[in-house]
Amino acid sequence: MSEQNMLTVQLVTALGGAAYDLRVLNSKTIVEKDDDAKRTALRSFVAKTMTEHVDEFVTAWFALENEYRPLLRSVATLLEHSTAILARKQEIIAAQQKAQQPVETNPSGCGEEGGCSAGEPGPDNVVPFPRAEK
């Protein structure tokens, strides 16, 4: 196929516009006197363009179907696996950080000798009893 007969962006855009105009004409309820002439001209243009460039359309379809779709599926699968690996890595890092946090040996705030000052609360499971006066 020569360079002059190759499919161009302008030609594909015109083909898309003609297909749209045909849909509009075919869905009209009020028919005008020049609708049949427009319809005939658009159909002729679409048929001529498709016939001249059928090999390019078929080649593009096969390339899309047999090369690009499998490639896109592979990329999507790769991204899905990568995302799962990164999420798992984040979970592991969070678990390691949680394990490395210092454990508070005396969470009640009581002193080492076991006595709590009056202002500080004692452990939740300890109920303070008043001492008997002698």
C-alpha atoms as a PDB file:
ATOM      1  CA  MET A   1       0.000   0.000   0.000  1.00  0.00           C
ATOM      2  CA  SER A   2       1.372   3.366  -0.920  1.00  0.00           C
ATOM      3  CA  GLU A   3       1.922   6.172   1.536  1.00  0.00           C
ATOM      4  CA  GLN A   4      -0.919   8.217  -0.001  1.00  0.00           C
ATOM      5  CA  ASN A   5      -3.527   5.510   0.541  1.00  0.00           C
ATOM      6  CA  MET A   6      -2.714   4.900   4.191  1.00  0.00           C
ATOM      7  CA  LEU A   7      -5.268   5.467   6.878  1.00  0.00           C
ATOM      8  CA  THR A   8      -4.787   8.812   8.638  1.00  0.00           C
ATOM      9  CA  VAL A   9      -6.184  10.389  11.762  1.00  0.00           C
ATOM     10  CA  GLN A  10      -8.200  12.835   9.665  1.00  0.00           C
ATOM     11  CA  LEU A  11      -9.710  10.002   7.629  1.00  0.00           C
ATOM     12  CA  VAL A  12     -10.595   7.940  10.707  1.00  0.00           C
ATOM     13  CA  THR A  13     -12.129  11.028  12.317  1.00  0.00           C
ATOM     14  CA  ALA A  14     -14.196  11.659   9.179  1.00  0.00           C
ATOM     15  CA  LEU A  15     -15.260   8.009   9.157  1.00  0.00           C
ATOM     16  CA  GLY A  16     -16.373   8.236  12.783  1.00  0.00           C
ATOM     17  CA  GLY A  17     -18.268  11.453  12.049  1.00  0.00           C
ATOM     18  CA  ALA A  18     -19.992   9.843   9.065  1.00  0.00           C
ATOM     19  CA  ALA A  19     -21.033   6.843  11.166  1.00  0.00           C
ATOM     20  CA  TYR A  20     -22.431   9.191  13.819  1.00  0.00           C
ATOM     21  CA  ASP A  21     -24.313  11.254  11.227  1.00  0.00           C
ATOM     22  CA  LEU A  22     -25.792   8.062   9.768  1.00  0.00           C
ATOM     23  CA  ARG A  23     -27.042   7.019  13.219  1.00  0.00           C
ATOM     24  CA  VAL A  24     -28.622  10.440  13.705  1.00  0.00           C
ATOM     25  CA  LEU A  25     -30.287  10.350  10.285  1.00  0.00           C
ATOM     26  CA  ASN A  26     -31.601   6.832  10.846  1.00  0.00           C
ATOM     27  CA  SER A  27     -33.090   7.729  14.225  1.00  0.00           C
ATOM     28  CA  LYS A  28     -34.884  10.910  13.089  1.00  0.00           C
ATOM     29  CA  THR A  29     -38.656  10.927  13.338  1.00  0.00           C
ATOM     30  CA  ILE A  30     -39.137  13.992  11.167  1.00  0.00           C
ATOM     31  CA  VAL A  31     -37.742  13.383   7.677  1.00  0.00           C
ATOM     32  CA  GLU A  32     -36.452  16.301   5.659  1.00  0.00           C
ATOM     33  CA  LYS A  33     -36.236  16.397   1.882  1.00  0.00           C
ATOM     34  CA  ASP A  34     -32.435  16.092   1.683  1.00  0.00           C
ATOM     35  CA  ASP A  35     -32.103  13.269   4.295  1.00  0.00           C
ATOM     36  CA  ASP A  36     -32.055  10.545   1.652  1.00  0.00           C
ATOM     37  CA  ALA A  37     -29.302  12.294  -0.300  1.00  0.00           C
ATOM     38  CA  LYS A  38     -27.238  12.768   2.883  1.00  0.00           C
ATOM     39  CA  ARG A  39     -27.791   9.138   3.866  1.00  0.00           C
ATOM     40  CA  THR A  40     -26.707   7.920   0.418  1.00  0.00           C
ATOM     41  CA  ALA A  41     -23.581  10.111   0.409  1.00  0.00           C
ATOM     42  CA  LEU A  42     -22.575   9.022   3.928  1.00  0.00           C
ATOM     43  CA  ARG A  43     -23.099   5.320   3.149  1.00  0.00           C
ATOM     44  CA  SER A  44     -21.054   5.699  -0.018  1.00  0.00           C
ATOM     45  CA  PHE A  45     -18.216   7.403   1.868  1.00  0.00           C
ATOM     46  CA  VAL A  46     -18.203   4.766   4.638  1.00  0.00           C
ATOM     47  CA  ALA A  47     -18.325   1.870   2.162  1.00  0.00           C
ATOM     48  CA  LYS A  48     -15.573   3.320  -0.031  1.00  0.00           C
ATOM     49  CA  THR A  49     -13.303   4.111   2.933  1.00  0.00           C
ATOM     50  CA  MET A  50     -13.809   0.729   4.583  1.00  0.00           C
ATOM     51  CA  THR A  51     -13.198  -1.091   1.290  1.00  0.00           C
ATOM     52  CA  GLU A  52     -10.005   0.843   0.572  1.00  0.00           C
ATOM     53  CA  HIS A  53      -8.610   0.335   4.076  1.00  0.00           C
ATOM     54  CA  VAL A  54     -10.018  -3.042   5.075  1.00  0.00           C
ATOM     55  CA  ASP A  55      -6.547  -4.593   5.347  1.00  0.00           C
ATOM     56  CA  GLU A  56      -5.453  -1.885   7.809  1.00  0.00           C
ATOM     57  CA  PHE A  57      -8.579  -2.322   9.931  1.00  0.00           C
ATOM     58  CA  VAL A  58      -8.184  -6.117  10.018  1.00  0.00           C
ATOM     59  CA  THR A  59      -4.466  -5.838  10.817  1.00  0.00           C
ATOM     60  CA  ALA A  60      -5.196  -3.373  13.621  1.00  0.00           C
ATOM     61  CA  TRP A  61      -7.875  -5.655  15.057  1.00  0.00           C
ATOM     62  CA  PHE A  62      -5.577  -8.698  15.020  1.00  0.00           C
ATOM     63  CA  ALA A  63      -2.747  -6.708  16.590  1.00  0.00           C
ATOM     64  CA  LEU A  64      -5.038  -5.476  19.325  1.00  0.00           C
ATOM     65  CA  GLU A  65      -6.608  -8.856  19.978  1.00  0.00           C
ATOM     66  CA  ASN A  66      -3.488 -11.014  19.804  1.00  0.00           C
ATOM     67  CA  GLU A  67      -0.746  -8.704  21.081  1.00  0.00           C
ATOM     68  CA  TYR A  68      -1.972  -5.747  23.110  1.00  0.00           C
ATOM     69  CA  ARG A  69      -4.751  -7.387  25.123  1.00  0.00           C
ATOM     70  CA  PRO A  70      -2.483 -10.193  26.363  1.00  0.00           C
ATOM     71  CA  LEU A  71       0.190  -7.598  27.121  1.00  0.00           C
ATOM     72  CA  LEU A  72      -2.278  -5.481  29.101  1.00  0.00           C
ATOM     73  CA  ARG A  73      -3.500  -8.565  30.984  1.00  0.00           C
ATOM     74  CA  SER A  74       0.107  -9.421  31.848  1.00  0.00           C
ATOM     75  CA  VAL A  75       0.806  -5.890  33.068  1.00  0.00           C
ATOM     76  CA  ALA A  76      -2.394  -5.910  35.140  1.00  0.00           C
ATOM     77  CA  THR A  77      -1.424  -9.250  36.703  1.00  0.00           C
ATOM     78  CA  LEU A  78       2.080  -7.967  37.430  1.00  0.00           C
ATOM     79  CA  LEU A  79       0.655  -4.856  39.122  1.00  0.00           C
ATOM     80  CA  GLU A  80      -1.782  -6.957  41.140  1.00  0.00           C
ATOM     81  CA  HIS A  81       1.011  -9.239  42.387  1.00  0.00           C
ATOM     82  CA  SER A  82       3.274  -6.265  43.134  1.00  0.00           C
ATOM     83  CA  THR A  83       0.526  -4.571  45.117  1.00  0.00           C
ATOM     84  CA  ALA A  84      -0.095  -7.746  47.114  1.00  0.00           C
ATOM     85  CA  ILE A  85       3.629  -8.101  47.852  1.00  0.00           C
ATOM     86  CA  LEU A  86       3.904  -4.458  48.962  1.00  0.00           C
ATOM     87  CA  ALA A  87       0.817  -4.779  51.179  1.00  0.00           C
ATOM     88  CA  ARG A  88       2.231  -7.911  52.806  1.00  0.00           C
ATOM     89  CA  LYS A  89       5.576  -6.156  53.310  1.00  0.00           C
ATOM     90  CA  GLN A  90       3.802  -3.279  55.056  1.00  0.00           C
ATOM     91  CA  GLU A  91       2.023  -5.757  57.339  1.00  0.00           C
ATOM     92  CA  ILE A  92       5.335  -7.420  58.222  1.00  0.00           C
ATOM     93  CA  ILE A  93       7.011  -4.061  58.922  1.00  0.00           C
ATOM     94  CA  ALA A  94       4.099  -2.991  61.131  1.00  0.00           C
ATOM     95  CA  ALA A  95       4.246  -6.283  63.051  1.00  0.00           C
ATOM     96  CA  GLN A  96       8.021  -5.924  63.538  1.00  0.00           C
ATOM     97  CA  GLN A  97       7.644  -2.358  64.775  1.00  0.00           C
ATOM     98  CA  LYS A  98       4.932  -3.429  67.172  1.00  0.00           C
ATOM     99  CA  ALA A  99       7.128  -6.259  68.473  1.00  0.00           C
ATOM    100  CA  GLN A 100      10.097  -3.882  68.951  1.00  0.00           C
ATOM    101  CA  GLN A 101       8.154  -1.405  71.088  1.00  0.00           C
ATOM    102  CA  PRO A 102       9.368  -1.544  74.705  1.00  0.00           C
ATOM    103  CA  VAL A 103       6.971  -3.388  76.946  1.00  0.00           C
ATOM    104  CA  GLU A 104       6.039  -1.337  79.998  1.00  0.00           C
ATOM    105  CA  THR A 105       6.797  -3.472  83.023  1.00  0.00           C
ATOM    106  CA  ASN A 106       4.836  -1.332  85.416  1.00  0.00           C
ATOM    107  CA  PRO A 107       1.911   0.199  83.505  1.00  0.00           C
ATOM    108  CA  SER A 108       0.161   1.374  86.686  1.00  0.00           C
ATOM    109  CA  GLY A 109       2.588   4.183  87.409  1.00  0.00           C
ATOM    110  CA  CYS A 110       3.491   2.717  90.808  1.00  0.00           C
ATOM    111  CA  GLY A 111       7.057   2.975  92.048  1.00  0.00           C
ATOM    112  CA  GLU A 112       9.601   0.144  92.034  1.00  0.00           C
ATOM    113  CA  GLU A 113       9.058  -0.544  95.700  1.00  0.00           C
ATOM    114  CA  GLY A 114       5.375  -1.280  95.091  1.00  0.00           C
ATOM    115  CA  GLY A 115       3.839   1.796  96.661  1.00  0.00           C
ATOM    116  CA  CYS A 116       1.779   4.247  94.688  1.00  0.00           C
ATOM    117  CA  SER A 117       1.739   7.918  95.460  1.00  0.00           C
ATOM    118  CA  ALA A 118      -1.591   9.457  96.385  1.00  0.00           C
ATOM    119  CA  GLY A 119      -2.020  11.276  93.098  1.00  0.00           C
ATOM    120  CA  GLU A 120      -1.185   8.366  90.815  1.00  0.00           C
ATOM    121  CA  PRO A 121      -3.717   5.635  90.088  1.00  0.00           C
ATOM    122  CA  GLY A 122      -2.887   2.032  90.969  1.00  0.00           C
ATOM    123  CA  PRO A 123      -3.375  -1.000  88.778  1.00  0.00           C
ATOM    124  CA  ASP A 124      -6.928  -1.581  87.605  1.00  0.00           C
ATOM    125  CA  ASN A 125      -7.263  -4.923  89.367  1.00  0.00           C
ATOM    126  CA  VAL A 126      -6.076  -3.633  92.766  1.00  0.00           C
ATOM    127  CA  VAL A 127      -8.621  -2.211  95.169  1.00  0.00           C
ATOM    128  CA  PRO A 128      -7.043  -0.037  97.900  1.00  0.00           C
ATOM    129  CA  PHE A 129      -8.211  -0.877 101.430  1.00  0.00           C
ATOM    130  CA  PRO A 130      -7.934   1.638 104.241  1.00  0.00           C
ATOM    131  CA  ARG A 131      -5.359   0.669 106.855  1.00  0.00           C
ATOM    132  CA  ALA A 132      -6.557  -0.025 110.296  1.00  0.00           C
ATOM    133  CA  GLU A 133      -5.394   2.511 112.871  1.00  0.00           C
ATOM    134  CA  LYS A 134      -3.740   1.118 115.975  1.00  0.00           C
END
